[in-house]
Amino acid sequence: MTVQITSPKFKKNARAALKDAQLQRALGKVEAGFIGKRRAVASRLPEFEVLRDLARDIKDHTLAHLDLYLEAYERRVTEEGGTVHWAATAEDARRIILDICKRREAKTVTKGKSMIAEEIGLNDHLVEHGIAPVETDLGEYIIQLRNEAPSHIIAPAIHLNRDQIEADFRRSHADLPAERNLDEPASLMAEARAVLRAKFLAADVGITGANFLIAETGTSVIVTNEGNGDLTQILPKTHIVLASIEKLVPTLEDVTTILRVLARSATGQEMSVYTTFSTGPRRAGDPDGPEEYHVVILDNGRSSMIGGQFREMLRCIRCGACMNHCPVYGAVGGHAYGWVYPGPMGAVLTPSLIGIDKAGHLPNASTFCGRCEEVCPVRIPLPKLMRYWRDREFERHLSPATVRWGLGLWALFARRPWLYRPATRLAMKTLALFGGRRGRMHWLPLAGGWTRHRDFPVPERDTFQAQWKKHRAEEARKKAQAEAEAVEAGKAGEKAT
């Protein structure tokens, strides 16, 4: 399905997610399945932090010279017998892929997992033109059966439980025996494997994403744990790689460096089960492989990010670590974000691609705890970039009127210290009065969004400035007393002499 943009409804989406008991149970798998594993595998690699620095530097260097590396990549792909297609927009990418499929008279297309395909709405476009796309990644296959969008960039069906998946399989695979046992995850995987094997063999075109494109060799790289990507590339007569411009890296050595932090950050593995390098179509003497090899490289707004404040976002290698560690994502899941990219990386990338007017809530959907930046394998300063978006939202008067009014009122006082000090003292006393003996408030004017779910703590002491003033006065008193005592001691010494 084409992912509908519901980012402007983030608050409504989030409220619905918080009330969804099944979703809340499923989201518990995020912490259990990712956070501890990442921590353990990173701790076993002494040079992990150094590798993160190297990965960041490789991506920064590539972005600084991206035009040269894109040209070098196209040249190498052409030399190896492939074709590179440049797509400025999502519409261009859809048109290019459809033209290739029509020329090959394709009826069925198998697909490896690709967030770029989600971004451009590729599946619906193919269906509209009589071509059946089949997702072959297990998670993507499940959500395709449900006509849903991914809720996570590496675990697209993490929002579902086994009972839901079993029901979907029984509904969609109605030709199989009704009495078959689907009680175990292994039996679900075996059934999906059997159904998809026929699809692989029948496919006319295979479409994959790319974790990396290597300028040195003209190679595309995919990282999977199921092997479906290999079958998607090798069995059809035509292989189409769909990637965005920032997936370029200069050399094979650079790729091997980044791969050492990718799997560890994503799934807590030292390396994923399959890391596949593809360079061009089948050569003479090759036992398998496609007759045609095409690479569609998508811009879709990214080139405008390179020279601006959000350039660092283009370092992203789509590991999902930021959302795995994000308390907001952990509470509401990926669908609440309302487009392709959820979590902290989505809170920065989505406004860059569809506009802050449509995605203004996302940079505000953060506690700014900093865990996303702490675990990012390429050290993207996500909280800083979210603050940039908040600034732009405020400058364009897109933030809610209550927020603008509140900040304006605060600025009125902050610019006038003579007014700010007594006002804050009065506010502290008022809050203490509201809290009474409990020390916490269950209701506060203009703060219903907070107090609806948690108490508001009452200030325990005076304002910081007042406390600092008292502290300075006490320090001055102690210093004066010490100096006086020293003088008295000196006089006493002189008298004794």
Protein backbone atom coordinates (compact mmCIF):
# COMPACT_ATOMS: atom_id res chain seq x y z
CA MET A 1 0.00 0.00 0.00
CA THR A 2 1.04 3.61 -0.46
CA VAL A 3 1.79 5.06 2.95
CA GLN A 4 -0.72 7.83 3.56
CA ILE A 5 0.67 10.91 5.25
CA THR A 6 -1.00 11.25 8.64
CA SER A 7 1.89 13.02 10.38
CA PRO A 8 -0.30 16.12 11.05
CA LYS A 9 -2.47 13.79 13.16
CA PHE A 10 0.42 12.56 15.29
CA LYS A 11 -1.25 13.48 18.59
CA LYS A 12 -4.44 11.68 17.60
CA ASN A 13 -2.42 8.69 16.35
CA ALA A 14 -0.43 8.61 19.59
CA ARG A 15 -3.54 8.69 21.77
CA ALA A 16 -4.99 5.76 19.82
CA ALA A 17 -1.71 3.83 20.15
CA LEU A 18 -1.58 4.36 23.91
CA LYS A 19 -5.08 2.88 24.23
CA ASP A 20 -4.27 -0.16 22.04
CA ALA A 21 -3.57 -2.92 24.57
CA GLN A 22 -2.32 -5.38 21.95
CA LEU A 23 0.09 -2.83 20.51
CA GLN A 24 1.41 -1.99 23.96
CA ARG A 25 2.18 -5.66 24.58
CA ALA A 26 3.90 -5.96 21.21
CA LEU A 27 6.05 -2.87 21.81
CA GLY A 28 7.57 -4.63 24.79
CA LYS A 29 9.51 -6.70 22.25
CA VAL A 30 11.49 -3.63 21.17
CA GLU A 31 13.39 -3.33 24.42
CA ALA A 32 13.67 -7.07 24.99
CA GLY A 33 14.75 -7.79 21.44
CA PHE A 34 17.15 -4.97 20.61
CA ILE A 35 18.52 -2.86 23.45
CA GLY A 36 20.22 -5.53 25.54
CA LYS A 37 21.61 -7.33 22.50
CA ARG A 38 23.15 -4.15 21.11
CA ARG A 39 24.74 -3.32 24.45
CA ALA A 40 26.19 -6.81 24.81
CA VAL A 41 27.64 -7.10 21.32
CA ALA A 42 29.10 -3.57 21.38
CA SER A 43 30.79 -4.20 24.72
CA ARG A 44 32.57 -7.24 23.25
CA LEU A 45 34.24 -5.10 20.57
CA PRO A 46 36.89 -2.84 22.16
CA GLU A 47 37.17 -0.65 19.06
CA PHE A 48 33.43 -0.10 18.67
CA GLU A 49 33.54 3.62 19.53
CA VAL A 50 36.50 4.16 17.18
CA LEU A 51 34.55 2.42 14.41
CA ARG A 52 31.63 4.79 15.01
CA ASP A 53 33.99 7.73 14.52
CA LEU A 54 35.35 6.20 11.32
CA ALA A 55 31.84 5.49 9.99
CA ARG A 56 30.83 9.10 10.67
CA ASP A 57 33.94 10.41 8.92
CA ILE A 58 33.41 8.16 5.88
CA LYS A 59 29.86 9.38 5.45
CA ASP A 60 30.86 13.03 5.95
CA HIS A 61 33.63 12.72 3.36
CA THR A 62 31.27 11.08 0.88
CA LEU A 63 28.62 13.77 1.30
CA ALA A 64 31.25 16.50 0.82
CA HIS A 65 32.21 14.97 -2.55
CA LEU A 66 28.94 13.27 -3.45
CA ASP A 67 28.83 14.56 -7.03
CA LEU A 68 32.20 12.96 -7.79
CA TYR A 69 31.29 9.64 -6.22
CA LEU A 70 27.93 9.49 -8.00
CA GLU A 71 29.68 9.99 -11.33
CA ALA A 72 32.30 7.39 -10.45
CA TYR A 73 29.60 4.91 -9.44
CA GLU A 74 27.68 5.38 -12.70
CA ARG A 75 30.86 4.91 -14.69
CA ARG A 76 31.73 1.65 -12.94
CA VAL A 77 28.17 0.24 -13.21
CA THR A 78 28.20 0.99 -16.95
CA GLU A 79 31.58 -0.67 -17.36
CA GLU A 80 30.19 -3.78 -15.67
CA GLY A 81 27.22 -3.93 -18.07
CA GLY A 82 24.57 -2.29 -15.90
CA THR A 83 22.54 0.89 -16.31
CA VAL A 84 22.10 3.77 -13.86
CA HIS A 85 18.90 5.81 -13.93
CA TRP A 86 18.61 9.18 -12.18
CA ALA A 87 15.31 10.01 -10.50
CA ALA A 88 14.84 13.55 -9.19
CA THR A 89 11.42 12.79 -7.70
CA ALA A 90 9.32 9.86 -6.52
CA GLU A 91 7.25 10.17 -9.69
CA ASP A 92 10.40 9.86 -11.81
CA ALA A 93 11.48 6.73 -9.95
CA ARG A 94 8.07 5.08 -10.36
CA ARG A 95 8.03 5.88 -14.06
CA ILE A 96 11.54 4.50 -14.64
CA ILE A 97 10.79 1.23 -12.82
CA LEU A 98 7.45 0.79 -14.57
CA ASP A 99 9.06 1.36 -17.97
CA ILE A 100 11.63 -1.37 -17.26
CA CYS A 101 8.93 -3.78 -16.09
CA LYS A 102 6.73 -3.09 -19.14
CA ARG A 103 9.63 -3.55 -21.53
CA ARG A 104 10.31 -6.94 -19.91
CA GLU A 105 6.55 -7.72 -20.07
CA ALA A 106 6.60 -8.40 -16.35
CA LYS A 107 3.51 -9.78 -14.65
CA THR A 108 5.03 -10.53 -11.26
CA VAL A 109 7.75 -8.65 -9.37
CA THR A 110 9.45 -9.95 -6.26
CA LYS A 111 10.78 -7.34 -3.86
CA GLY A 112 13.34 -7.28 -1.11
CA LYS A 113 12.71 -4.92 1.80
CA SER A 114 13.18 -1.30 0.71
CA MET A 115 12.17 1.80 2.61
CA ILE A 116 12.69 3.83 -0.57
CA ALA A 117 10.04 1.70 -2.29
CA GLU A 118 7.71 2.60 0.60
CA GLU A 119 8.68 6.26 0.24
CA ILE A 120 7.71 6.42 -3.42
CA GLY A 121 4.58 4.23 -3.11
CA LEU A 122 5.95 1.70 -5.60
CA ASN A 123 3.68 -1.26 -4.85
CA ASP A 124 0.42 0.57 -5.50
CA HIS A 125 1.87 2.07 -8.68
CA LEU A 126 2.76 -1.38 -10.02
CA VAL A 127 -0.66 -2.79 -9.11
CA GLU A 128 -2.38 0.11 -10.89
CA HIS A 129 -0.57 -0.95 -14.06
CA GLY A 130 -1.36 -4.66 -13.83
CA ILE A 131 1.87 -5.86 -12.22
CA ALA A 132 1.74 -7.90 -9.00
CA PRO A 133 4.47 -6.98 -6.47
CA VAL A 134 5.31 -9.65 -3.89
CA GLU A 135 7.19 -8.69 -0.72
CA THR A 136 9.63 -11.47 0.16
CA ASP A 137 11.03 -10.27 3.49
CA LEU A 138 8.91 -12.12 6.07
CA GLY A 139 7.94 -8.99 7.99
CA GLU A 140 7.12 -7.09 4.80
CA TYR A 141 5.17 -10.09 3.47
CA ILE A 142 3.05 -10.14 6.63
CA ILE A 143 2.17 -6.46 6.47
CA GLN A 144 1.47 -6.75 2.74
CA LEU A 145 -1.12 -9.40 3.56
CA ARG A 146 -2.64 -6.93 6.05
CA ASN A 147 -2.40 -3.97 3.65
CA GLU A 148 -0.43 -2.07 6.29
CA ALA A 149 2.70 0.06 6.31
CA PRO A 150 5.89 -0.95 8.16
CA SER A 151 6.02 0.15 11.78
CA HIS A 152 9.82 -0.18 12.06
CA ILE A 153 12.52 0.19 9.45
CA ILE A 154 14.21 -3.16 10.19
CA ALA A 155 11.36 -5.08 11.86
CA PRO A 156 8.30 -3.97 9.90
CA ALA A 157 5.82 -6.28 11.68
CA ILE A 158 7.05 -5.73 15.23
CA HIS A 159 3.66 -4.29 16.19
CA LEU A 160 1.95 -7.67 15.64
CA ASN A 161 1.72 -10.81 17.75
CA ARG A 162 1.78 -14.45 16.66
CA ASP A 163 -2.00 -14.91 16.88
CA GLN A 164 -2.60 -12.03 14.49
CA ILE A 165 -0.06 -13.40 12.02
CA GLU A 166 -1.59 -16.89 12.20
CA ALA A 167 -5.02 -15.43 11.42
CA ASP A 168 -3.60 -13.56 8.43
CA PHE A 169 -1.93 -16.70 7.08
CA ARG A 170 -5.11 -18.77 7.41
CA ARG A 171 -7.11 -16.06 5.65
CA SER A 172 -4.58 -15.47 2.84
CA HIS A 173 -3.44 -19.08 2.33
CA ALA A 174 -6.95 -20.49 2.11
CA ASP A 175 -5.85 -23.20 -0.35
CA LEU A 176 -3.76 -24.93 2.35
CA PRO A 177 -5.25 -27.52 4.76
CA ALA A 178 -7.31 -25.83 7.46
CA GLU A 179 -6.13 -28.32 10.12
CA ARG A 180 -2.42 -27.47 9.68
CA ASN A 181 -0.52 -26.51 12.83
CA LEU A 182 0.61 -22.88 12.96
CA ASP A 183 1.19 -22.70 16.72
CA GLU A 184 4.93 -22.06 16.51
CA PRO A 185 6.91 -19.27 14.81
CA ALA A 186 8.89 -21.96 12.96
CA SER A 187 5.72 -23.31 11.35
CA LEU A 188 4.70 -19.82 10.26
CA MET A 189 8.12 -19.25 8.68
CA ALA A 190 8.02 -22.64 6.94
CA GLU A 191 4.63 -21.84 5.43
CA ALA A 192 5.79 -18.42 4.23
CA ARG A 193 8.90 -20.00 2.73
CA ALA A 194 6.86 -22.55 0.81
CA VAL A 195 4.41 -19.95 -0.51
CA LEU A 196 7.14 -17.52 -1.50
CA ARG A 197 9.32 -20.11 -3.24
CA ALA A 198 6.80 -20.36 -6.06
CA LYS A 199 6.71 -16.56 -6.30
CA PHE A 200 10.48 -16.39 -6.61
CA LEU A 201 10.49 -18.88 -9.46
CA ALA A 202 7.67 -17.11 -11.32
CA ALA A 203 8.97 -13.54 -10.99
CA ASP A 204 9.92 -11.64 -14.14
CA VAL A 205 11.70 -8.80 -12.31
CA GLY A 206 13.35 -8.59 -8.90
CA ILE A 207 13.59 -5.28 -7.02
CA THR A 208 15.82 -4.72 -4.02
CA GLY A 209 16.89 -1.75 -2.00
CA ALA A 210 20.52 -1.12 -1.14
CA ASN A 211 22.21 -0.54 2.16
CA PHE A 212 25.24 0.81 0.30
CA LEU A 213 26.41 1.64 -3.23
CA ILE A 214 30.18 1.38 -3.72
CA ALA A 215 31.69 3.96 -6.09
CA GLU A 216 34.96 2.07 -6.46
CA THR A 217 33.39 -1.06 -7.95
CA GLY A 218 29.85 -0.14 -9.01
CA THR A 219 28.50 -2.62 -6.46
CA SER A 220 25.21 -2.61 -4.54
CA VAL A 221 25.15 -4.14 -1.07
CA ILE A 222 22.17 -5.54 0.80
CA VAL A 223 22.15 -6.79 4.39
CA THR A 224 19.51 -9.39 5.34
CA ASN A 225 18.88 -12.25 7.73
CA GLU A 226 16.61 -14.36 5.51
CA GLY A 227 18.31 -14.75 2.15
CA ASN A 228 15.23 -13.51 0.32
CA GLY A 229 17.25 -10.64 -1.11
CA ASP A 230 19.59 -13.09 -2.84
CA LEU A 231 16.71 -14.98 -4.48
CA THR A 232 15.16 -11.69 -5.55
CA GLN A 233 18.38 -10.70 -7.31
CA ILE A 234 19.46 -14.01 -8.80
CA LEU A 235 16.33 -15.76 -10.11
CA PRO A 236 14.50 -13.11 -12.22
CA LYS A 237 15.91 -12.09 -15.58
CA THR A 238 16.02 -8.44 -14.51
CA HIS A 239 17.32 -6.99 -11.27
CA ILE A 240 16.45 -3.40 -10.28
CA VAL A 241 18.27 -1.74 -7.40
CA LEU A 242 16.40 1.19 -5.83
CA ALA A 243 18.48 3.50 -3.62
CA SER A 244 18.75 7.13 -2.58
CA ILE A 245 21.76 9.32 -3.28
CA GLU A 246 23.21 9.20 0.25
CA LYS A 247 23.78 5.42 0.08
CA LEU A 248 27.09 6.02 -1.72
CA VAL A 249 30.40 5.10 -0.07
CA PRO A 250 33.77 5.40 -1.77
CA THR A 251 35.46 1.99 -1.42
CA LEU A 252 35.06 -1.63 -0.41
CA GLU A 253 37.17 -0.96 2.66
CA ASP A 254 34.80 1.82 3.69
CA VAL A 255 31.84 -0.56 3.42
CA THR A 256 33.50 -3.19 5.58
CA THR A 257 34.13 -0.55 8.26
CA ILE A 258 30.51 0.60 8.35
CA LEU A 259 29.19 -2.98 8.26
CA ARG A 260 30.95 -3.61 11.59
CA VAL A 261 28.72 -1.04 13.30
CA LEU A 262 25.55 -1.61 11.26
CA ALA A 263 24.48 -5.08 12.41
CA ARG A 264 25.64 -4.48 15.97
CA SER A 265 23.53 -1.33 16.16
CA ALA A 266 20.52 -2.79 14.37
CA THR A 267 19.94 -6.30 15.68
CA GLY A 268 22.77 -6.93 18.14
CA GLN A 269 24.57 -9.26 15.72
CA GLU A 270 28.25 -9.12 14.89
CA MET A 271 27.27 -9.51 11.24
CA SER A 272 23.93 -10.19 9.62
CA VAL A 273 23.35 -13.67 8.20
CA TYR A 274 23.59 -12.49 4.58
CA THR A 275 25.67 -9.58 3.30
CA THR A 276 25.35 -9.65 -0.48
CA PHE A 277 27.48 -7.72 -2.99
CA SER A 278 26.06 -7.44 -6.54
CA THR A 279 27.95 -5.99 -9.46
CA GLY A 280 26.27 -5.90 -12.85
CA PRO A 281 24.32 -8.57 -14.76
CA ARG A 282 25.29 -12.20 -15.30
CA ARG A 283 28.67 -12.68 -16.99
CA ALA A 284 29.66 -15.41 -19.38
CA GLY A 285 30.23 -18.54 -17.33
CA ASP A 286 28.14 -17.39 -14.33
CA PRO A 287 25.76 -20.17 -13.18
CA ASP A 288 23.00 -17.69 -12.29
CA GLY A 289 22.15 -14.01 -12.11
CA PRO A 290 20.01 -11.53 -14.04
CA GLU A 291 20.33 -10.70 -17.71
CA GLU A 292 19.78 -7.01 -16.97
CA TYR A 293 20.99 -4.93 -14.02
CA HIS A 294 19.50 -1.50 -13.38
CA VAL A 295 20.13 0.98 -10.56
CA VAL A 296 17.57 3.72 -9.91
CA ILE A 297 19.10 6.47 -7.76
CA LEU A 298 16.57 8.74 -6.09
CA ASP A 299 17.01 12.31 -4.90
CA ASN A 300 13.48 13.29 -3.77
CA GLY A 301 14.62 16.34 -1.81
CA ARG A 302 17.89 15.04 -0.43
CA SER A 303 20.21 17.24 -2.48
CA SER A 304 18.64 20.28 -0.83
CA MET A 305 19.69 18.87 2.55
CA ILE A 306 23.37 18.57 1.66
CA GLY A 307 24.16 22.28 1.89
CA GLY A 308 21.95 23.04 4.87
CA GLN A 309 21.45 22.44 8.58
CA PHE A 310 20.20 18.89 8.07
CA ARG A 311 23.14 17.50 6.15
CA GLU A 312 24.17 15.28 9.08
CA MET A 313 20.88 13.37 8.72
CA LEU A 314 22.14 12.01 5.41
CA ARG A 315 24.73 9.99 7.33
CA CYS A 316 21.93 7.66 8.45
CA ILE A 317 22.51 3.98 7.63
CA ARG A 318 18.96 2.88 8.59
CA CYS A 319 19.91 0.66 11.53
CA GLY A 320 16.88 1.57 13.65
CA ALA A 321 18.92 1.96 16.86
CA CYS A 322 17.49 5.43 17.52
CA MET A 323 13.90 4.19 17.56
CA ASN A 324 14.80 1.07 19.55
CA HIS A 325 16.06 3.33 22.35
CA CYS A 326 13.47 6.11 22.03
CA PRO A 327 10.91 6.26 24.89
CA VAL A 328 8.38 7.97 22.61
CA TYR A 329 8.62 5.31 19.90
CA GLY A 330 8.52 2.65 22.62
CA ALA A 331 5.23 4.09 23.86
CA VAL A 332 3.36 4.67 20.58
CA GLY A 333 5.07 2.57 17.88
CA GLY A 334 5.89 3.48 14.31
CA HIS A 335 2.46 3.98 12.74
CA ALA A 336 1.74 6.97 15.00
CA TYR A 337 4.43 8.96 13.15
CA GLY A 338 2.21 8.93 10.10
CA TRP A 339 4.64 8.23 7.29
CA VAL A 340 7.48 5.96 6.18
CA TYR A 341 10.17 6.86 8.70
CA PRO A 342 9.33 6.65 12.42
CA GLY A 343 11.24 7.45 15.59
CA PRO A 344 13.92 10.11 16.04
CA MET A 345 15.37 9.63 12.55
CA GLY A 346 11.88 10.09 11.12
CA ALA A 347 11.35 13.18 13.24
CA VAL A 348 14.25 14.78 11.35
CA LEU A 349 14.03 13.16 7.91
CA THR A 350 10.27 13.32 7.39
CA PRO A 351 9.98 17.15 7.61
CA SER A 352 12.93 17.36 5.21
CA LEU A 353 11.10 15.24 2.62
CA ILE A 354 7.42 16.22 2.98
CA GLY A 355 7.69 19.62 4.69
CA ILE A 356 7.50 20.94 8.23
CA ASP A 357 3.91 22.04 7.56
CA LYS A 358 2.90 18.36 7.31
CA ALA A 359 5.30 16.94 9.90
CA GLY A 360 5.62 19.68 12.51
CA HIS A 361 4.49 17.45 15.36
CA LEU A 362 7.31 14.95 14.85
CA PRO A 363 10.31 17.05 16.03
CA ASN A 364 8.24 17.81 19.12
CA ALA A 365 7.62 14.11 19.81
CA SER A 366 10.79 13.78 21.84
CA THR A 367 11.85 13.85 25.48
CA PHE A 368 15.31 15.07 24.36
CA CYS A 369 16.83 12.42 26.61
CA GLY A 370 19.64 12.03 24.06
CA ARG A 371 19.57 8.24 23.90
CA CYS A 372 19.14 8.34 20.11
CA GLU A 373 22.36 10.30 19.62
CA GLU A 374 24.13 8.17 22.20
CA VAL A 375 23.53 4.94 20.25
CA CYS A 376 23.63 6.20 16.64
CA PRO A 377 26.45 4.30 14.86
CA VAL A 378 27.33 7.35 12.73
CA ARG A 379 26.85 9.87 15.57
CA ILE A 380 23.99 11.91 14.08
CA PRO A 381 23.11 14.70 16.56
CA LEU A 382 19.38 13.99 16.34
CA PRO A 383 18.27 16.21 19.26
CA LYS A 384 20.10 19.16 17.74
CA LEU A 385 18.45 18.59 14.36
CA MET A 386 15.04 18.31 15.98
CA ARG A 387 15.66 21.66 17.66
CA TYR A 388 16.43 23.15 14.24
CA TRP A 389 13.02 21.96 13.04
CA ARG A 390 11.33 23.39 16.11
CA ASP A 391 12.95 26.75 15.36
CA ARG A 392 11.70 26.66 11.77
CA GLU A 393 8.24 25.65 12.86
CA PHE A 394 8.11 28.60 15.26
CA GLU A 395 9.50 31.06 12.70
CA ARG A 396 6.81 30.08 10.19
CA HIS A 397 4.07 30.39 12.83
CA LEU A 398 3.20 26.71 12.41
CA SER A 399 3.41 25.85 16.11
CA PRO A 400 0.16 25.99 18.09
CA ALA A 401 -1.03 29.44 19.14
CA THR A 402 -0.84 28.45 22.81
CA VAL A 403 2.85 27.60 22.40
CA ARG A 404 3.64 30.86 20.63
CA TRP A 405 1.64 32.84 23.20
CA GLY A 406 3.37 31.08 26.07
CA LEU A 407 6.84 31.65 24.68
CA GLY A 408 5.98 35.29 23.95
CA LEU A 409 4.82 35.79 27.51
CA TRP A 410 7.96 34.13 28.85
CA ALA A 411 10.13 36.36 26.59
CA LEU A 412 8.34 39.44 27.92
CA PHE A 413 9.49 38.58 31.43
CA ALA A 414 12.89 37.16 30.47
CA ARG A 415 13.91 40.44 28.80
CA ARG A 416 13.07 42.36 32.00
CA PRO A 417 14.98 40.91 34.97
CA TRP A 418 13.40 43.41 37.35
CA LEU A 419 10.02 41.89 36.43
CA TYR A 420 11.18 38.28 35.95
CA ARG A 421 12.49 37.81 39.50
CA PRO A 422 9.36 38.81 41.44
CA ALA A 423 7.12 37.02 38.89
CA THR A 424 8.96 33.72 39.28
CA ARG A 425 8.96 34.04 43.05
CA LEU A 426 5.21 34.53 42.94
CA ALA A 427 4.86 31.54 40.58
CA MET A 428 6.81 29.30 42.98
CA LYS A 429 4.61 30.28 45.90
CA THR A 430 1.45 29.77 43.81
CA LEU A 431 2.54 26.30 42.69
CA ALA A 432 3.34 25.39 46.28
CA LEU A 433 -0.15 26.54 47.25
CA PHE A 434 -1.70 24.38 44.52
CA GLY A 435 0.27 21.36 45.66
CA GLY A 436 -0.57 21.75 49.32
CA ARG A 437 0.73 19.01 51.59
CA ARG A 438 0.88 16.40 48.82
CA GLY A 439 3.79 18.11 47.12
CA ARG A 440 2.31 17.15 43.74
CA MET A 441 -0.50 18.50 41.58
CA HIS A 442 -3.12 16.40 39.82
CA TRP A 443 -4.36 19.36 37.78
CA LEU A 444 -2.79 22.59 36.57
CA PRO A 445 -4.19 25.26 34.21
CA LEU A 446 -2.82 24.96 30.64
CA ALA A 447 -0.96 21.74 31.57
CA GLY A 448 -3.72 19.17 31.05
CA GLY A 449 -1.59 17.21 28.59
CA TRP A 450 0.88 16.55 31.42
CA THR A 451 -1.43 16.08 34.40
CA ARG A 452 -3.80 13.80 32.48
CA HIS A 453 -1.19 11.04 32.70
CA ARG A 454 1.09 12.07 35.57
CA ASP A 455 1.31 14.39 38.55
CA PHE A 456 3.14 17.70 38.33
CA PRO A 457 5.77 18.06 41.07
CA VAL A 458 5.62 21.17 43.23
CA PRO A 459 8.85 23.20 43.47
CA GLU A 460 10.57 22.18 46.68
CA ARG A 461 12.47 25.44 47.19
CA ASP A 462 12.74 29.00 45.92
CA THR A 463 13.75 29.91 42.34
CA PHE A 464 17.23 29.10 41.16
CA GLN A 465 18.19 32.75 41.06
CA ALA A 466 16.98 33.28 44.62
CA GLN A 467 18.85 30.19 45.79
CA TRP A 468 21.98 31.34 43.96
CA LYS A 469 21.73 34.76 45.56
CA LYS A 470 21.46 33.19 49.01
CA HIS A 471 24.36 30.88 48.19
CA ARG A 472 26.57 33.77 47.11
CA ALA A 473 25.62 35.73 50.22
CA GLU A 474 26.44 32.77 52.43
CA GLU A 475 29.78 32.24 50.69
CA ALA A 476 30.60 35.94 51.12
CA ARG A 477 29.66 35.74 54.79
CA LYS A 478 31.87 32.70 55.34
CA LYS A 479 34.76 34.37 53.52
CA ALA A 480 34.41 37.55 55.59
CA GLN A 481 34.22 35.51 58.77
CA ALA A 482 37.34 33.55 57.82
CA GLU A 483 39.21 36.74 57.03
CA ALA A 484 38.12 38.27 60.35
CA GLU A 485 39.22 35.16 62.22
CA ALA A 486 42.56 35.27 60.44
CA VAL A 487 43.03 38.90 61.43
CA GLU A 488 42.12 38.12 65.05
CA ALA A 489 44.51 35.18 65.02
CA GLY A 490 47.26 37.44 63.72
CA LYS A 491 46.62 40.02 66.41
CA ALA A 492 46.65 37.35 69.06
CA GLY A 493 49.97 36.12 67.77
CA GLU A 494 51.48 39.59 67.84
CA LYS A 495 50.22 40.13 71.38
CA ALA A 496 51.72 36.84 72.55
CA THR A 497 55.07 37.83 71.04
